[in-house]
PDB file of all heavy atoms in Angstrom:
ATOM      1  N   ALA A   1     212.850  83.863 296.675  1.00  0.00           N
ATOM      2  CA  ALA A   1     213.933  84.121 297.632  1.00  0.00           C
ATOM      3  C   ALA A   1     215.282  83.835 296.986  1.00  0.00           C
ATOM      4  O   ALA A   1     215.399  82.987 296.108  1.00  0.00           O
ATOM      5  CB  ALA A   1     213.750  83.241 298.866  1.00  0.00           C
ATOM      6  N   GLU A   2     216.287  84.549 297.465  1.00  0.00           N
ATOM      7  CA  GLU A   2     217.665  84.343 297.010  1.00  0.00           C
ATOM      8  C   GLU A   2     218.291  83.190 297.788  1.00  0.00           C
ATOM      9  O   GLU A   2     218.019  83.030 298.981  1.00  0.00           O
ATOM     10  CB  GLU A   2     218.484  85.612 297.250  1.00  0.00           C
ATOM     11  CG  GLU A   2     218.043  86.802 296.423  1.00  0.00           C
ATOM     12  CD  GLU A   2     218.364  86.633 294.952  1.00  0.00           C
ATOM     13  OE1 GLU A   2     219.448  86.081 294.631  1.00  0.00           O
ATOM     14  OE2 GLU A   2     217.516  87.023 294.135  1.00  0.00           O
ATOM     15  N   PRO A   3     219.161  82.411 297.149  1.00  0.00           N
ATOM     16  CA  PRO A   3     219.835  81.338 297.892  1.00  0.00           C
ATOM     17  C   PRO A   3     220.865  81.908 298.866  1.00  0.00           C
ATOM     18  O   PRO A   3     221.462  82.959 298.620  1.00  0.00           O
ATOM     19  CB  PRO A   3     220.517  80.522 296.795  1.00  0.00           C
ATOM     20  CG  PRO A   3     220.697  81.477 295.664  1.00  0.00           C
ATOM     21  CD  PRO A   3     219.554  82.446 295.747  1.00  0.00           C
ATOM     22  N   ALA A   4     221.050  81.223 299.962  1.00  0.00           N
ATOM     23  CA  ALA A   4     222.097  81.569 300.919  1.00  0.00           C
ATOM     24  C   ALA A   4     223.419  81.029 300.384  1.00  0.00           C
ATOM     25  O   ALA A   4     223.441  80.044 299.635  1.00  0.00           O
ATOM     26  CB  ALA A   4     221.778  80.958 302.275  1.00  0.00           C
ATOM     27  N   PRO A   5     224.536  81.633 300.771  1.00  0.00           N
ATOM     28  CA  PRO A   5     225.842  81.171 300.285  1.00  0.00           C
ATOM     29  C   PRO A   5     226.342  79.923 301.019  1.00  0.00           C
ATOM     30  O   PRO A   5     227.336  79.953 301.736  1.00  0.00           O
ATOM     31  CB  PRO A   5     226.742  82.384 300.545  1.00  0.00           C
ATOM     32  CG  PRO A   5     226.127  83.069 301.717  1.00  0.00           C
ATOM     33  CD  PRO A   5     224.637  82.851 301.578  1.00  0.00           C
ATOM     34  N   THR A   6     225.620  78.819 300.828  1.00  0.00           N
ATOM     35  CA  THR A   6     225.989  77.576 301.500  1.00  0.00           C
ATOM     36  C   THR A   6     226.787  76.640 300.602  1.00  0.00           C
ATOM     37  O   THR A   6     227.303  75.644 301.074  1.00  0.00           O
ATOM     38  CB  THR A   6     224.742  76.802 301.972  1.00  0.00           C
ATOM     39  OG1 THR A   6     223.956  76.472 300.827  1.00  0.00           O
ATOM     40  CG2 THR A   6     223.933  77.605 302.954  1.00  0.00           C
ATOM     41  N   GLY A   7     226.822  76.944 299.310  1.00  0.00           N
ATOM     42  CA  GLY A   7     227.477  76.056 298.371  1.00  0.00           C
ATOM     43  C   GLY A   7     226.494  75.035 297.838  1.00  0.00           C
ATOM     44  O   GLY A   7     225.337  74.980 298.241  1.00  0.00           O
ATOM     45  N   PRO A   8     226.952  74.187 296.910  1.00  0.00           N
ATOM     46  CA  PRO A   8     226.065  73.199 296.295  1.00  0.00           C
ATOM     47  C   PRO A   8     225.784  72.013 297.208  1.00  0.00           C
ATOM     48  O   PRO A   8     226.518  71.764 298.159  1.00  0.00           O
ATOM     49  CB  PRO A   8     226.846  72.762 295.054  1.00  0.00           C
ATOM     50  CG  PRO A   8     228.276  72.964 295.433  1.00  0.00           C
ATOM     51  CD  PRO A   8     228.302  74.162 296.346  1.00  0.00           C
ATOM     52  N   GLY A   9     224.721  71.318 296.898  1.00  0.00           N
ATOM     53  CA  GLY A   9     224.372  70.115 297.644  1.00  0.00           C
ATOM     54  C   GLY A   9     223.635  70.423 298.932  1.00  0.00           C
ATOM     55  O   GLY A   9     223.166  71.531 299.162  1.00  0.00           O
ATOM     56  N   THR A  10     223.530  69.405 299.777  1.00  0.00           N
ATOM     57  CA  THR A  10     222.820  69.526 301.046  1.00  0.00           C
ATOM     58  C   THR A  10     223.841  69.687 302.168  1.00  0.00           C
ATOM     59  O   THR A  10     224.804  68.926 302.248  1.00  0.00           O
ATOM     60  CB  THR A  10     221.958  68.273 301.299  1.00  0.00           C
ATOM     61  OG1 THR A  10     221.047  68.118 300.210  1.00  0.00           O
ATOM     62  CG2 THR A  10     221.183  68.395 302.592  1.00  0.00           C
ATOM     63  N   VAL A  11     223.607  70.694 303.015  1.00  0.00           N
ATOM     64  CA  VAL A  11     224.523  70.965 304.124  1.00  0.00           C
ATOM     65  C   VAL A  11     223.733  71.231 305.398  1.00  0.00           C
ATOM     66  O   VAL A  11     222.571  71.637 305.346  1.00  0.00           O
ATOM     67  CB  VAL A  11     225.426  72.187 303.836  1.00  0.00           C
ATOM     68  CG1 VAL A  11     226.296  71.961 302.618  1.00  0.00           C
ATOM     69  CG2 VAL A  11     224.615  73.450 303.676  1.00  0.00           C
ATOM     70  N   VAL A  12     224.395  70.996 306.527  1.00  0.00           N
ATOM     71  CA  VAL A  12     223.845  71.441 307.805  1.00  0.00           C
ATOM     72  C   VAL A  12     224.165  72.927 307.877  1.00  0.00           C
ATOM     73  O   VAL A  12     225.323  73.316 308.004  1.00  0.00           O
ATOM     74  CB  VAL A  12     224.462  70.690 309.003  1.00  0.00           C
ATOM     75  CG1 VAL A  12     223.950  71.276 310.312  1.00  0.00           C
ATOM     76  CG2 VAL A  12     224.153  69.208 308.923  1.00  0.00           C
ATOM     77  N   ALA A  13     223.142  73.760 307.766  1.00  0.00           N
ATOM     78  CA  ALA A  13     223.342  75.208 307.731  1.00  0.00           C
ATOM     79  C   ALA A  13     223.347  75.819 309.123  1.00  0.00           C
ATOM     80  O   ALA A  13     223.889  76.900 309.325  1.00  0.00           O
ATOM     81  CB  ALA A  13     222.263  75.854 306.869  1.00  0.00           C
ATOM     82  N   ALA A  14     222.721  75.140 310.079  1.00  0.00           N
ATOM     83  CA  ALA A  14     222.669  75.639 311.458  1.00  0.00           C
ATOM     84  C   ALA A  14     222.414  74.457 312.379  1.00  0.00           C
ATOM     85  O   ALA A  14     221.771  73.484 311.994  1.00  0.00           O
ATOM     86  CB  ALA A  14     221.566  76.674 311.614  1.00  0.00           C
ATOM     87  N   GLU A  15     222.918  74.585 313.606  1.00  0.00           N
ATOM     88  CA  GLU A  15     222.680  73.534 314.587  1.00  0.00           C
ATOM     89  C   GLU A  15     222.693  74.131 315.980  1.00  0.00           C
ATOM     90  O   GLU A  15     223.370  75.128 316.239  1.00  0.00           O
ATOM     91  CB  GLU A  15     223.715  72.419 314.477  1.00  0.00           C
ATOM     92  CG  GLU A  15     225.146  72.861 314.658  1.00  0.00           C
ATOM     93  CD  GLU A  15     226.133  71.754 314.355  1.00  0.00           C
ATOM     94  OE1 GLU A  15     225.972  70.638 314.886  1.00  0.00           O
ATOM     95  OE2 GLU A  15     227.065  72.018 313.586  1.00  0.00           O
ATOM     96  N   ALA A  16     221.917  73.526 316.848  1.00  0.00           N
ATOM     97  CA  ALA A  16     221.871  73.967 318.239  1.00  0.00           C
ATOM     98  C   ALA A  16     221.742  72.742 319.132  1.00  0.00           C
ATOM     99  O   ALA A  16     220.825  71.936 318.970  1.00  0.00           O
ATOM    100  CB  ALA A  16     220.698  74.910 318.471  1.00  0.00           C
ATOM    101  N   GLN A  17     222.680  72.608 320.034  1.00  0.00           N
ATOM    102  CA  GLN A  17     222.629  71.520 320.998  1.00  0.00           C
ATOM    103  C   GLN A  17     221.598  71.868 322.067  1.00  0.00           C
ATOM    104  O   GLN A  17     221.511  73.014 322.508  1.00  0.00           O
ATOM    105  CB  GLN A  17     224.000  71.323 321.626  1.00  0.00           C
ATOM    106  CG  GLN A  17     224.120  70.067 322.422  1.00  0.00           C
ATOM    107  CD  GLN A  17     225.572  69.781 322.805  1.00  0.00           C
ATOM    108  OE1 GLN A  17     226.456  70.575 322.597  1.00  0.00           O
ATOM    109  NE2 GLN A  17     225.787  68.615 323.368  1.00  0.00           N
ATOM    110  N   LEU A  18     220.835  70.882 322.481  1.00  0.00           N
ATOM    111  CA  LEU A  18     219.807  71.084 323.493  1.00  0.00           C
ATOM    112  C   LEU A  18     220.383  70.771 324.872  1.00  0.00           C
ATOM    113  O   LEU A  18     221.061  69.758 325.049  1.00  0.00           O
ATOM    114  CB  LEU A  18     218.602  70.186 323.210  1.00  0.00           C
ATOM    115  CG  LEU A  18     217.956  70.394 321.841  1.00  0.00           C
ATOM    116  CD1 LEU A  18     216.888  69.347 321.589  1.00  0.00           C
ATOM    117  CD2 LEU A  18     217.404  71.802 321.722  1.00  0.00           C
ATOM    118  N   VAL A  19     220.099  71.649 325.819  1.00  0.00           N
ATOM    119  CA  VAL A  19     220.560  71.469 327.193  1.00  0.00           C
ATOM    120  C   VAL A  19     219.358  71.632 328.108  1.00  0.00           C
ATOM    121  O   VAL A  19     218.666  72.649 328.061  1.00  0.00           O
ATOM    122  CB  VAL A  19     221.640  72.512 327.571  1.00  0.00           C
ATOM    123  CG1 VAL A  19     222.145  72.259 328.986  1.00  0.00           C
ATOM    124  CG2 VAL A  19     222.791  72.501 326.576  1.00  0.00           C
ATOM    125  N   THR A  20     219.111  70.622 328.931  1.00  0.00           N
ATOM    126  CA  THR A  20     217.987  70.677 329.865  1.00  0.00           C
ATOM    127  C   THR A  20     218.345  71.550 331.064  1.00  0.00           C
ATOM    128  O   THR A  20     219.511  71.911 331.267  1.00  0.00           O
ATOM    129  CB  THR A  20     217.610  69.273 330.381  1.00  0.00           C
ATOM    130  OG1 THR A  20     218.663  68.812 331.231  1.00  0.00           O
ATOM    131  CG2 THR A  20     217.359  68.290 329.245  1.00  0.00           C
ATOM    132  N   GLU A  21     217.345  71.840 331.876  1.00  0.00           N
ATOM    133  CA  GLU A  21     217.568  72.608 333.100  1.00  0.00           C
ATOM    134  C   GLU A  21     218.512  71.876 334.056  1.00  0.00           C
ATOM    135  O   GLU A  21     219.195  72.494 334.860  1.00  0.00           O
ATOM    136  CB  GLU A  21     216.230  72.888 333.805  1.00  0.00           C
ATOM    137  CG  GLU A  21     215.318  73.829 333.064  1.00  0.00           C
ATOM    138  CD  GLU A  21     214.496  73.161 331.943  1.00  0.00           C
ATOM    139  OE1 GLU A  21     214.671  71.949 331.696  1.00  0.00           O
ATOM    140  OE2 GLU A  21     213.697  73.856 331.304  1.00  0.00           O
ATOM    141  N   ALA A  22     218.557  70.549 333.954  1.00  0.00           N
ATOM    142  CA  ALA A  22     219.438  69.739 334.811  1.00  0.00           C
ATOM    143  C   ALA A  22     220.844  69.607 334.226  1.00  0.00           C
ATOM    144  O   ALA A  22     221.692  68.913 334.780  1.00  0.00           O
ATOM    145  CB  ALA A  22     218.827  68.353 335.006  1.00  0.00           C
ATOM    146  N   GLY A  23     221.096  70.271 333.090  1.00  0.00           N
ATOM    147  CA  GLY A  23     222.416  70.230 332.481  1.00  0.00           C
ATOM    148  C   GLY A  23     222.679  69.023 331.612  1.00  0.00           C
ATOM    149  O   GLY A  23     223.821  68.753 331.253  1.00  0.00           O
ATOM    150  N   GLU A  24     221.638  68.292 331.265  1.00  0.00           N
ATOM    151  CA  GLU A  24     221.798  67.125 330.391  1.00  0.00           C
ATOM    152  C   GLU A  24     221.715  67.563 328.925  1.00  0.00           C
ATOM    153  O   GLU A  24     221.113  68.584 328.616  1.00  0.00           O
ATOM    154  CB  GLU A  24     220.721  66.091 330.701  1.00  0.00           C
ATOM    155  CG  GLU A  24     220.834  65.553 332.126  1.00  0.00           C
ATOM    156  CD  GLU A  24     219.710  64.600 332.452  1.00  0.00           C
ATOM    157  OE1 GLU A  24     218.609  65.078 332.787  1.00  0.00           O
ATOM    158  OE2 GLU A  24     219.952  63.388 332.370  1.00  0.00           O
TER     159      GLU A  24
END
């Protein structure tokens, strides 16, 4: 596989906040 253009080192490449049905 080809590397993604994230730059060197370790990075957070994606994130998703979790939201419950009650809005928490």
